[in-house]
C-alpha atoms as a PDB file:
ATOM      1  CA  MET A   1      87.075 205.292 176.831  1.00  0.00           C
ATOM      2  CA  HIS A   2      85.924 205.408 180.453  1.00  0.00           C
ATOM      3  CA  PRO A   3      83.659 202.426 181.278  1.00  0.00           C
ATOM      4  CA  LEU A   4      80.786 204.726 182.273  1.00  0.00           C
ATOM      5  CA  ALA A   5      81.068 206.722 179.035  1.00  0.00           C
ATOM      6  CA  LYS A   6      81.204 203.501 177.063  1.00  0.00           C
ATOM      7  CA  ALA A   7      78.061 202.258 178.801  1.00  0.00           C
ATOM      8  CA  CYS A   8      76.217 205.525 178.105  1.00  0.00           C
ATOM      9  CA  ALA A   9      77.204 205.401 174.444  1.00  0.00           C
ATOM     10  CA  ALA A  10      75.970 201.838 174.187  1.00  0.00           C
ATOM     11  CA  LEU A  11      72.667 202.780 175.809  1.00  0.00           C
ATOM     12  CA  ALA A  12      72.232 205.723 173.424  1.00  0.00           C
ATOM     13  CA  LEU A  13      72.919 203.499 170.425  1.00  0.00           C
ATOM     14  CA  THR A  14      70.464 200.932 171.733  1.00  0.00           C
ATOM     15  CA  ALA A  15      67.781 203.607 172.173  1.00  0.00           C
ATOM     16  CA  VAL A  16      68.243 204.870 168.620  1.00  0.00           C
ATOM     17  CA  THR A  17      68.211 201.347 167.219  1.00  0.00           C
ATOM     18  CA  THR A  18      65.091 200.503 169.211  1.00  0.00           C
ATOM     19  CA  LEU A  19      63.279 203.604 167.944  1.00  0.00           C
ATOM     20  CA  ALA A  20      64.337 202.901 164.375  1.00  0.00           C
ATOM     21  CA  HIS A  21      62.988 199.367 164.603  1.00  0.00           C
ATOM     22  CA  ALA A  22      59.890 200.371 166.571  1.00  0.00           C
ATOM     23  CA  TRP A  23      58.688 203.043 164.144  1.00  0.00           C
ATOM     24  CA  PRO A  24      56.086 202.789 162.799  1.00  0.00           C
ATOM     25  CA  ASP A  25      53.931 200.576 164.975  1.00  0.00           C
ATOM     26  CA  LYS A  26      50.642 202.241 163.963  1.00  0.00           C
ATOM     27  CA  PRO A  27      49.195 204.049 160.900  1.00  0.00           C
ATOM     28  CA  VAL A  28      50.937 207.209 159.667  1.00  0.00           C
ATOM     29  CA  LYS A  29      48.948 210.251 158.553  1.00  0.00           C
ATOM     30  CA  ILE A  30      49.901 212.315 155.477  1.00  0.00           C
ATOM     31  CA  VAL A  31      48.153 215.697 155.707  1.00  0.00           C
ATOM     32  CA  VAL A  32      47.435 217.316 152.321  1.00  0.00           C
ATOM     33  CA  PRO A  33      46.652 221.073 152.191  1.00  0.00           C
ATOM     34  CA  TYR A  34      44.240 220.772 149.248  1.00  0.00           C
ATOM     35  CA  PRO A  35      40.966 218.979 148.446  1.00  0.00           C
ATOM     36  CA  PRO A  36      41.007 215.511 146.875  1.00  0.00           C
ATOM     37  CA  GLY A  37      41.825 215.296 143.182  1.00  0.00           C
ATOM     38  CA  GLY A  38      44.518 217.922 142.723  1.00  0.00           C
ATOM     39  CA  ASN A  39      48.136 217.181 141.892  1.00  0.00           C
ATOM     40  CA  VAL A  40      49.365 217.395 145.495  1.00  0.00           C
ATOM     41  CA  ASP A  41      46.634 215.027 146.668  1.00  0.00           C
ATOM     42  CA  VAL A  42      47.337 212.618 143.816  1.00  0.00           C
ATOM     43  CA  ALA A  43      51.064 212.711 144.603  1.00  0.00           C
ATOM     44  CA  ALA A  44      50.377 211.752 148.220  1.00  0.00           C
ATOM     45  CA  ARG A  45      48.159 208.879 147.118  1.00  0.00           C
ATOM     46  CA  LEU A  46      50.787 207.675 144.632  1.00  0.00           C
ATOM     47  CA  ILE A  47      53.503 207.328 147.278  1.00  0.00           C
ATOM     48  CA  GLY A  48      51.203 206.013 150.023  1.00  0.00           C
ATOM     49  CA  PRO A  49      51.034 202.361 148.892  1.00  0.00           C
ATOM     50  CA  GLY A  50      54.805 202.196 148.456  1.00  0.00           C
ATOM     51  CA  LEU A  51      55.374 203.581 151.946  1.00  0.00           C
ATOM     52  CA  GLN A  52      52.889 201.088 153.362  1.00  0.00           C
ATOM     53  CA  ALA A  53      54.724 198.251 151.620  1.00  0.00           C
ATOM     54  CA  ALA A  54      58.069 199.516 152.932  1.00  0.00           C
ATOM     55  CA  PHE A  55      57.016 199.956 156.551  1.00  0.00           C
ATOM     56  CA  GLY A  56      54.125 197.558 157.052  1.00  0.00           C
ATOM     57  CA  GLN A  57      51.687 200.207 158.275  1.00  0.00           C
ATOM     58  CA  PRO A  58      48.980 202.184 156.433  1.00  0.00           C
ATOM     59  CA  PHE A  59      49.892 205.695 155.274  1.00  0.00           C
ATOM     60  CA  ILE A  60      46.550 207.500 155.344  1.00  0.00           C
ATOM     61  CA  VAL A  61      45.937 210.684 153.343  1.00  0.00           C
ATOM     62  CA  GLU A  62      43.959 213.356 155.193  1.00  0.00           C
ATOM     63  CA  ASN A  63      42.814 216.410 153.207  1.00  0.00           C
ATOM     64  CA  LYS A  64      42.797 219.695 155.141  1.00  0.00           C
ATOM     65  CA  PRO A  65      42.245 222.555 152.660  1.00  0.00           C
ATOM     66  CA  GLY A  66      41.806 226.188 153.614  1.00  0.00           C
ATOM     67  CA  ALA A  67      43.686 229.451 154.270  1.00  0.00           C
ATOM     68  CA  GLY A  68      46.075 228.867 151.400  1.00  0.00           C
ATOM     69  CA  GLY A  69      47.044 225.497 152.836  1.00  0.00           C
ATOM     70  CA  MET A  70      47.891 226.899 156.254  1.00  0.00           C
ATOM     71  CA  ILE A  71      45.248 224.876 158.098  1.00  0.00           C
ATOM     72  CA  ALA A  72      47.099 221.715 157.138  1.00  0.00           C
ATOM     73  CA  GLY A  73      50.482 223.274 157.831  1.00  0.00           C
ATOM     74  CA  GLU A  74      49.482 224.414 161.309  1.00  0.00           C
ATOM     75  CA  GLN A  75      48.075 220.992 162.147  1.00  0.00           C
ATOM     76  CA  VAL A  76      51.329 219.265 161.248  1.00  0.00           C
ATOM     77  CA  ALA A  77      53.541 221.912 162.868  1.00  0.00           C
ATOM     78  CA  ARG A  78      51.688 221.422 166.158  1.00  0.00           C
ATOM     79  CA  SER A  79      51.713 217.623 166.000  1.00  0.00           C
ATOM     80  CA  ALA A  80      53.999 215.443 168.072  1.00  0.00           C
ATOM     81  CA  PRO A  81      57.400 214.944 166.394  1.00  0.00           C
ATOM     82  CA  ASP A  82      57.065 211.181 166.453  1.00  0.00           C
ATOM     83  CA  GLY A  83      56.879 210.369 162.743  1.00  0.00           C
ATOM     84  CA  TYR A  84      53.145 209.678 162.685  1.00  0.00           C
ATOM     85  CA  THR A  85      51.985 212.983 161.158  1.00  0.00           C
ATOM     86  CA  LEU A  86      53.556 214.153 157.900  1.00  0.00           C
ATOM     87  CA  PHE A  87      52.963 217.179 155.660  1.00  0.00           C
ATOM     88  CA  MET A  88      52.615 216.743 151.898  1.00  0.00           C
ATOM     89  CA  ALA A  89      53.558 220.294 151.038  1.00  0.00           C
ATOM     90  CA  ALA A  90      53.881 222.445 147.938  1.00  0.00           C
ATOM     91  CA  ASN A  91      55.372 225.890 147.274  1.00  0.00           C
ATOM     92  CA  GLY A  92      52.258 227.809 148.257  1.00  0.00           C
ATOM     93  CA  PRO A  93      51.327 226.348 151.654  1.00  0.00           C
ATOM     94  CA  LEU A  94      54.923 225.927 152.787  1.00  0.00           C
ATOM     95  CA  LEU A  95      56.688 229.078 151.569  1.00  0.00           C
ATOM     96  CA  PHE A  96      54.203 231.611 150.196  1.00  0.00           C
ATOM     97  CA  SER A  97      51.056 231.526 152.349  1.00  0.00           C
ATOM     98  CA  PRO A  98      52.708 232.552 155.645  1.00  0.00           C
ATOM     99  CA  LEU A  99      53.864 235.736 153.892  1.00  0.00           C
ATOM    100  CA  ILE A 100      50.717 236.386 151.893  1.00  0.00           C
ATOM    101  CA  PHE A 101      48.313 235.851 154.787  1.00  0.00           C
ATOM    102  CA  LYS A 102      50.445 238.119 156.991  1.00  0.00           C
ATOM    103  CA  ARG A 103      50.525 235.695 159.915  1.00  0.00           C
ATOM    104  CA  GLN A 104      53.543 233.626 160.768  1.00  0.00           C
ATOM    105  CA  ALA A 105      51.654 230.601 162.067  1.00  0.00           C
ATOM    106  CA  TYR A 106      54.677 228.563 161.049  1.00  0.00           C
ATOM    107  CA  LYS A 107      57.951 228.800 159.159  1.00  0.00           C
ATOM    108  CA  TRP A 108      59.310 225.951 157.132  1.00  0.00           C
ATOM    109  CA  ASP A 109      62.766 226.046 158.732  1.00  0.00           C
ATOM    110  CA  ARG A 110      61.560 226.642 162.280  1.00  0.00           C
ATOM    111  CA  ASP A 111      58.635 224.243 162.474  1.00  0.00           C
ATOM    112  CA  PHE A 112      59.359 221.408 160.025  1.00  0.00           C
ATOM    113  CA  GLU A 113      61.950 218.771 159.216  1.00  0.00           C
ATOM    114  CA  PRO A 114      62.322 218.348 155.437  1.00  0.00           C
ATOM    115  CA  ILE A 115      62.298 214.679 154.425  1.00  0.00           C
ATOM    116  CA  SER A 116      62.385 214.562 150.632  1.00  0.00           C
ATOM    117  CA  SER A 117      61.129 216.192 147.500  1.00  0.00           C
ATOM    118  CA  VAL A 118      58.536 214.147 145.608  1.00  0.00           C
ATOM    119  CA  SER A 119      57.866 215.907 142.303  1.00  0.00           C
ATOM    120  CA  TYR A 120      58.486 219.024 140.237  1.00  0.00           C
ATOM    121  CA  THR A 121      55.970 220.418 137.722  1.00  0.00           C
ATOM    122  CA  PRO A 122      57.189 223.054 135.227  1.00  0.00           C
ATOM    123  CA  LEU A 123      55.012 225.741 133.646  1.00  0.00           C
ATOM    124  CA  VAL A 124      54.410 227.125 130.178  1.00  0.00           C
ATOM    125  CA  LEU A 125      53.465 230.674 129.191  1.00  0.00           C
ATOM    126  CA  GLN A 126      50.585 230.465 126.709  1.00  0.00           C
ATOM    127  CA  VAL A 127      48.623 233.191 124.915  1.00  0.00           C
ATOM    128  CA  ARG A 128      45.231 233.353 123.269  1.00  0.00           C
ATOM    129  CA  PRO A 129      45.468 232.712 119.506  1.00  0.00           C
ATOM    130  CA  GLY A 130      44.052 236.119 118.580  1.00  0.00           C
ATOM    131  CA  LEU A 131      46.816 238.018 120.358  1.00  0.00           C
ATOM    132  CA  PRO A 132      49.139 239.459 117.669  1.00  0.00           C
ATOM    133  CA  VAL A 133      52.345 237.928 119.053  1.00  0.00           C
ATOM    134  CA  LYS A 134      54.351 234.930 117.862  1.00  0.00           C
ATOM    135  CA  THR A 135      57.226 234.896 120.341  1.00  0.00           C
ATOM    136  CA  LEU A 136      58.022 235.815 123.924  1.00  0.00           C
ATOM    137  CA  GLY A 137      59.914 238.814 122.586  1.00  0.00           C
ATOM    138  CA  ASP A 138      56.769 239.990 120.798  1.00  0.00           C
ATOM    139  CA  LEU A 139      54.730 239.690 124.001  1.00  0.00           C
ATOM    140  CA  LEU A 140      57.260 241.611 126.071  1.00  0.00           C
ATOM    141  CA  ALA A 141      57.564 244.333 123.429  1.00  0.00           C
ATOM    142  CA  LEU A 142      53.786 244.767 123.369  1.00  0.00           C
ATOM    143  CA  ALA A 143      53.642 244.890 127.175  1.00  0.00           C
ATOM    144  CA  LYS A 144      56.321 247.581 127.235  1.00  0.00           C
ATOM    145  CA  GLN A 145      54.630 249.645 124.522  1.00  0.00           C
ATOM    146  CA  GLU A 146      51.309 249.673 126.388  1.00  0.00           C
ATOM    147  CA  PRO A 147      52.011 249.008 130.088  1.00  0.00           C
ATOM    148  CA  GLY A 148      49.067 247.462 131.927  1.00  0.00           C
ATOM    149  CA  LYS A 149      46.966 246.826 128.826  1.00  0.00           C
ATOM    150  CA  LEU A 150      47.578 243.087 128.588  1.00  0.00           C
ATOM    151  CA  ASN A 151      45.792 240.837 131.069  1.00  0.00           C
ATOM    152  CA  MET A 152      47.438 237.801 132.688  1.00  0.00           C
ATOM    153  CA  ALA A 153      45.104 235.206 134.229  1.00  0.00           C
ATOM    154  CA  SER A 154      46.286 233.964 137.626  1.00  0.00           C
ATOM    155  CA  PRO A 155      44.634 231.027 139.453  1.00  0.00           C
ATOM    156  CA  GLY A 156      45.059 232.865 142.746  1.00  0.00           C
ATOM    157  CA  ALA A 157      47.197 235.421 144.552  1.00  0.00           C
ATOM    158  CA  GLY A 158      50.521 233.964 145.572  1.00  0.00           C
ATOM    159  CA  THR A 159      50.327 230.802 143.498  1.00  0.00           C
ATOM    160  CA  THR A 160      53.462 229.716 141.677  1.00  0.00           C
ATOM    161  CA  ASN A 161      51.744 230.716 138.412  1.00  0.00           C
ATOM    162  CA  HIS A 162      51.240 234.232 139.771  1.00  0.00           C
ATOM    163  CA  LEU A 163      54.750 234.591 141.187  1.00  0.00           C
ATOM    164  CA  VAL A 164      56.407 233.431 137.967  1.00  0.00           C
ATOM    165  CA  SER A 165      54.514 236.226 136.196  1.00  0.00           C
ATOM    166  CA  GLU A 166      55.805 238.723 138.763  1.00  0.00           C
ATOM    167  CA  LEU A 167      59.319 237.367 138.273  1.00  0.00           C
ATOM    168  CA  LEU A 168      59.075 237.881 134.508  1.00  0.00           C
ATOM    169  CA  GLN A 169      57.980 241.489 135.000  1.00  0.00           C
ATOM    170  CA  SER A 170      60.845 242.037 137.430  1.00  0.00           C
ATOM    171  CA  LEU A 171      63.436 240.602 135.037  1.00  0.00           C
ATOM    172  CA  THR A 172      62.229 242.400 131.907  1.00  0.00           C
ATOM    173  CA  GLY A 173      60.553 245.638 132.982  1.00  0.00           C
ATOM    174  CA  ALA A 174      57.394 244.673 131.084  1.00  0.00           C
ATOM    175  CA  ARG A 175      54.093 245.427 132.819  1.00  0.00           C
ATOM    176  CA  TRP A 176      50.629 243.890 132.581  1.00  0.00           C
ATOM    177  CA  THR A 177      47.472 243.624 134.659  1.00  0.00           C
ATOM    178  CA  THR A 178      46.950 240.483 136.724  1.00  0.00           C
ATOM    179  CA  ALA A 179      43.406 239.102 136.778  1.00  0.00           C
ATOM    180  CA  GLN A 180      43.004 236.902 139.859  1.00  0.00           C
ATOM    181  CA  TYR A 181      40.736 233.857 139.638  1.00  0.00           C
ATOM    182  CA  LYS A 182      39.673 231.229 142.140  1.00  0.00           C
ATOM    183  CA  GLY A 183      41.501 228.305 140.611  1.00  0.00           C
ATOM    184  CA  ASN A 184      42.870 227.169 137.269  1.00  0.00           C
ATOM    185  CA  ALA A 185      39.568 226.165 135.694  1.00  0.00           C
ATOM    186  CA  PRO A 186      37.943 229.629 135.437  1.00  0.00           C
ATOM    187  CA  ALA A 187      41.267 231.215 134.450  1.00  0.00           C
ATOM    188  CA  THR A 188      41.683 228.719 131.617  1.00  0.00           C
ATOM    189  CA  THR A 189      38.065 229.174 130.521  1.00  0.00           C
ATOM    190  CA  ASP A 190      38.547 232.922 130.134  1.00  0.00           C
ATOM    191  CA  LEU A 191      41.849 232.453 128.317  1.00  0.00           C
ATOM    192  CA  LEU A 192      40.220 230.105 125.814  1.00  0.00           C
ATOM    193  CA  GLY A 193      37.325 232.539 125.464  1.00  0.00           C
ATOM    194  CA  GLY A 194      39.640 235.480 124.785  1.00  0.00           C
ATOM    195  CA  GLN A 195      38.678 237.438 127.919  1.00  0.00           C
ATOM    196  CA  VAL A 196      42.328 237.475 129.031  1.00  0.00           C
ATOM    197  CA  ASP A 197      45.519 237.509 126.983  1.00  0.00           C
ATOM    198  CA  PHE A 198      47.824 234.930 128.532  1.00  0.00           C
ATOM    199  CA  ASN A 199      48.663 232.839 131.561  1.00  0.00           C
ATOM    200  CA  PHE A 200      51.219 230.517 133.100  1.00  0.00           C
ATOM    201  CA  ASP A 201      49.970 226.991 133.651  1.00  0.00           C
ATOM    202  CA  GLN A 202      51.208 223.484 134.207  1.00  0.00           C
ATOM    203  CA  ILE A 203      52.329 221.896 130.969  1.00  0.00           C
ATOM    204  CA  SER A 204      50.045 218.886 131.443  1.00  0.00           C
ATOM    205  CA  VAL A 205      47.019 221.206 131.627  1.00  0.00           C
ATOM    206  CA  SER A 206      48.072 223.411 128.719  1.00  0.00           C
ATOM    207  CA  LEU A 207      49.345 220.709 126.372  1.00  0.00           C
ATOM    208  CA  PRO A 208      46.037 219.746 124.704  1.00  0.00           C
ATOM    209  CA  TYR A 209      45.092 223.385 124.102  1.00  0.00           C
ATOM    210  CA  ILE A 210      48.481 224.155 122.551  1.00  0.00           C
ATOM    211  CA  LYS A 211      48.354 221.012 120.389  1.00  0.00           C
ATOM    212  CA  GLU A 212      44.838 221.897 119.185  1.00  0.00           C
ATOM    213  CA  GLY A 213      45.830 225.488 118.395  1.00  0.00           C
ATOM    214  CA  ARG A 214      43.444 226.914 120.987  1.00  0.00           C
ATOM    215  CA  THR A 215      46.394 228.599 122.706  1.00  0.00           C
ATOM    216  CA  ARG A 216      49.975 229.303 121.643  1.00  0.00           C
ATOM    217  CA  GLY A 217      52.907 228.299 123.854  1.00  0.00           C
ATOM    218  CA  LEU A 218      55.682 230.897 123.955  1.00  0.00           C
ATOM    219  CA  ALA A 219      58.164 229.578 126.547  1.00  0.00           C
ATOM    220  CA  VAL A 220      58.611 226.891 129.217  1.00  0.00           C
ATOM    221  CA  THR A 221      60.141 227.311 132.688  1.00  0.00           C
ATOM    222  CA  THR A 222      62.579 224.418 132.273  1.00  0.00           C
ATOM    223  CA  ALA A 223      66.322 224.229 131.657  1.00  0.00           C
ATOM    224  CA  GLN A 224      65.818 222.216 128.454  1.00  0.00           C
ATOM    225  CA  ARG A 225      62.933 221.995 126.010  1.00  0.00           C
ATOM    226  CA  VAL A 226      60.085 219.694 126.959  1.00  0.00           C
ATOM    227  CA  PRO A 227      59.728 216.605 124.716  1.00  0.00           C
ATOM    228  CA  SER A 228      55.950 217.034 124.507  1.00  0.00           C
ATOM    229  CA  LEU A 229      56.398 220.647 123.287  1.00  0.00           C
ATOM    230  CA  PRO A 230      59.541 220.464 121.129  1.00  0.00           C
ATOM    231  CA  ASP A 231      58.778 223.709 119.270  1.00  0.00           C
ATOM    232  CA  VAL A 232      58.350 225.803 122.432  1.00  0.00           C
ATOM    233  CA  PRO A 233      61.654 227.344 123.595  1.00  0.00           C
ATOM    234  CA  THR A 234      62.852 227.718 127.151  1.00  0.00           C
ATOM    235  CA  PHE A 235      62.794 231.225 128.603  1.00  0.00           C
ATOM    236  CA  ALA A 236      66.585 231.308 128.388  1.00  0.00           C
ATOM    237  CA  GLU A 237      66.442 230.439 124.692  1.00  0.00           C
ATOM    238  CA  ALA A 238      63.806 233.135 124.225  1.00  0.00           C
ATOM    239  CA  GLY A 239      66.119 235.732 125.742  1.00  0.00           C
ATOM    240  CA  VAL A 240      65.122 235.759 129.431  1.00  0.00           C
ATOM    241  CA  PRO A 241      67.447 233.680 131.627  1.00  0.00           C
ATOM    242  CA  GLY A 242      66.622 233.140 135.292  1.00  0.00           C
ATOM    243  CA  MET A 243      63.057 231.941 134.695  1.00  0.00           C
ATOM    244  CA  GLU A 244      63.499 228.287 135.603  1.00  0.00           C
ATOM    245  CA  ALA A 245      60.686 227.458 138.018  1.00  0.00           C
ATOM    246  CA  ALA A 246      58.374 224.647 139.034  1.00  0.00           C
ATOM    247  CA  THR A 247      55.637 223.739 141.433  1.00  0.00           C
ATOM    248  CA  PHE A 248      57.136 221.199 143.806  1.00  0.00           C
ATOM    249  CA  THR A 249      55.638 218.655 146.159  1.00  0.00           C
ATOM    250  CA  GLY A 250      57.589 217.326 149.104  1.00  0.00           C
ATOM    251  CA  LEU A 251      57.236 215.518 152.399  1.00  0.00           C
ATOM    252  CA  LEU A 252      58.017 217.120 155.766  1.00  0.00           C
ATOM    253  CA  ALA A 253      57.597 216.215 159.431  1.00  0.00           C
ATOM    254  CA  PRO A 254      57.198 218.296 162.608  1.00  0.00           C
ATOM    255  CA  LYS A 255      60.383 219.854 163.962  1.00  0.00           C
ATOM    256  CA  GLY A 256      62.203 217.476 166.269  1.00  0.00           C
ATOM    257  CA  THR A 257      61.208 214.265 164.489  1.00  0.00           C
ATOM    258  CA  PRO A 258      64.090 211.785 165.012  1.00  0.00           C
ATOM    259  CA  PRO A 259      66.694 211.906 162.222  1.00  0.00           C
ATOM    260  CA  GLU A 260      66.571 208.134 161.800  1.00  0.00           C
ATOM    261  CA  VAL A 261      62.855 208.325 160.989  1.00  0.00           C
ATOM    262  CA  LEU A 262      63.514 211.069 158.434  1.00  0.00           C
ATOM    263  CA  ALA A 263      66.281 208.973 156.891  1.00  0.00           C
ATOM    264  CA  GLN A 264      64.088 205.877 156.646  1.00  0.00           C
ATOM    265  CA  LEU A 265      61.329 207.837 154.918  1.00  0.00           C
ATOM    266  CA  SER A 266      63.751 209.550 152.544  1.00  0.00           C
ATOM    267  CA  GLN A 267      65.373 206.254 151.564  1.00  0.00           C
ATOM    268  CA  ALA A 268      61.987 204.621 151.010  1.00  0.00           C
ATOM    269  CA  LEU A 269      60.832 207.523 148.826  1.00  0.00           C
ATOM    270  CA  ASP A 270      63.997 207.296 146.759  1.00  0.00           C
ATOM    271  CA  LYS A 271      63.159 203.678 145.918  1.00  0.00           C
ATOM    272  CA  ILE A 272      59.456 204.386 145.315  1.00  0.00           C
ATOM    273  CA  LEU A 273      60.099 207.330 142.988  1.00  0.00           C
ATOM    274  CA  ARG A 274      62.500 205.278 140.855  1.00  0.00           C
ATOM    275  CA  GLN A 275      59.824 202.715 139.997  1.00  0.00           C
ATOM    276  CA  PRO A 276      58.862 202.926 136.283  1.00  0.00           C
ATOM    277  CA  ASP A 277      55.115 202.813 136.946  1.00  0.00           C
ATOM    278  CA  ILE A 278      55.359 205.629 139.500  1.00  0.00           C
ATOM    279  CA  ILE A 279      57.518 207.705 137.146  1.00  0.00           C
ATOM    280  CA  GLN A 280      54.915 207.220 134.419  1.00  0.00           C
ATOM    281  CA  ARG A 281      52.040 208.212 136.689  1.00  0.00           C
ATOM    282  CA  PHE A 282      53.787 211.436 137.625  1.00  0.00           C
ATOM    283  CA  GLN A 283      54.571 212.120 133.966  1.00  0.00           C
ATOM    284  CA  GLU A 284      50.852 211.832 133.257  1.00  0.00           C
ATOM    285  CA  LEU A 285      50.420 214.690 135.746  1.00  0.00           C
ATOM    286  CA  GLY A 286      53.058 216.696 133.883  1.00  0.00           C
ATOM    287  CA  ALA A 287      55.484 216.220 136.768  1.00  0.00           C
ATOM    288  CA  ASP A 288      58.956 214.788 137.223  1.00  0.00           C
ATOM    289  CA  ALA A 289      59.203 212.333 140.125  1.00  0.00           C
ATOM    290  CA  GLN A 290      62.350 213.129 142.092  1.00  0.00           C
ATOM    291  CA  ALA A 291      63.385 212.208 145.623  1.00  0.00           C
ATOM    292  CA  SER A 292      66.144 213.889 147.611  1.00  0.00           C
ATOM    293  CA  SER A 293      67.935 213.539 150.918  1.00  0.00           C
ATOM    294  CA  PRO A 294      66.716 215.635 153.872  1.00  0.00           C
ATOM    295  CA  ALA A 295      69.837 217.805 153.535  1.00  0.00           C
ATOM    296  CA  ASP A 296      69.368 218.375 149.803  1.00  0.00           C
ATOM    297  CA  PHE A 297      65.672 219.170 150.218  1.00  0.00           C
ATOM    298  CA  THR A 298      66.517 221.628 152.997  1.00  0.00           C
ATOM    299  CA  ARG A 299      68.993 223.415 150.723  1.00  0.00           C
ATOM    300  CA  TYR A 300      66.421 223.560 147.926  1.00  0.00           C
ATOM    301  CA  LEU A 301      63.776 225.060 150.230  1.00  0.00           C
ATOM    302  CA  ALA A 302      66.229 227.651 151.534  1.00  0.00           C
ATOM    303  CA  ALA A 303      67.066 228.705 147.979  1.00  0.00           C
ATOM    304  CA  GLU A 304      63.390 228.902 146.985  1.00  0.00           C
ATOM    305  CA  ASP A 305      62.565 230.918 150.108  1.00  0.00           C
ATOM    306  CA  ALA A 306      65.362 233.379 149.359  1.00  0.00           C
ATOM    307  CA  ARG A 307      64.266 233.648 145.733  1.00  0.00           C
ATOM    308  CA  TRP A 308      60.526 234.207 146.136  1.00  0.00           C
ATOM    309  CA  THR A 309      60.215 236.166 149.397  1.00  0.00           C
ATOM    310  CA  PRO A 310      61.538 239.428 147.887  1.00  0.00           C
ATOM    311  CA  ILE A 311      59.205 239.041 144.909  1.00  0.00           C
ATOM    312  CA  ILE A 312      56.169 238.633 147.174  1.00  0.00           C
ATOM    313  CA  GLU A 313      57.198 241.619 149.285  1.00  0.00           C
ATOM    314  CA  ARG A 314      58.093 243.843 146.326  1.00  0.00           C
ATOM    315  CA  ALA A 315      54.801 243.090 144.555  1.00  0.00           C
ATOM    316  CA  GLY A 316      52.810 243.635 147.763  1.00  0.00           C
ATOM    317  CA  ILE A 317      50.927 240.354 147.312  1.00  0.00           C
ATOM    318  CA  THR A 318      48.350 239.699 150.034  1.00  0.00           C
ATOM    319  CA  ALA A 319      45.437 237.313 150.438  1.00  0.00           C
ATOM    320  CA  ASN A 320      42.010 238.673 149.556  1.00  0.00           C
END
């Protein structure tokens, strides 16, 4: 190697090493696109202490709700790519909202660097007890006999719960009316009160109602049955393959953040999310803690984007 080239290579290596050792030298902000208390917020607060222990600097959670999570997303996308502002994202704010709100303020692959997944939360389809169906097949048959008569409670347009319902209609040809609510709580209240016929919800939320007989679980969006609901089949078992789905949380940084910073964060998250107490805390939320490499998380996001974008466009889903 030419002496000058060798010197340049050495300088480049030194610069990378210096940056890797220098970061972080001040607190790091994790921007959450929802108010305090929800699963995404709790997930950020669960990993924060472990990141602080790993890097010796505080990881501060900042809640920025609004516009389907896009306020938070825009803030992070416009931040300096220096590793000090991170985005604790979920399906909706990262993939769905830019389509639903009809403004491309950011795109996940153009404006962010995926770091790692954090958790995955599967869903269950549950019906009110008075509905004369015992199985998923019964529900679909009824929906086909009387298209639009059944009502499905959605916690909001473009939520994962809503899109999974649209996916089921697309796969089966069944049709029902979607009742949009502002959040899970009022949707669940009306389901329990019999004002709507069924919904998709996180298993952790639905579990007590199913156990008490206040709702009936018909199928789960997982590859295998869920231990807490051993009598509820998967959609594939119930005759509808292709319904595996989950609400994910994951960590991203602004586009251009140094790869060595992304790698350090990903490696730290892998260790944090293997800790038994952290795994248990996520299980209490009905979620599976699962880290990934930046490359694997990027591939997952690309697959999810390709899967859900046509469903949003075909259903004509827009923000109210």
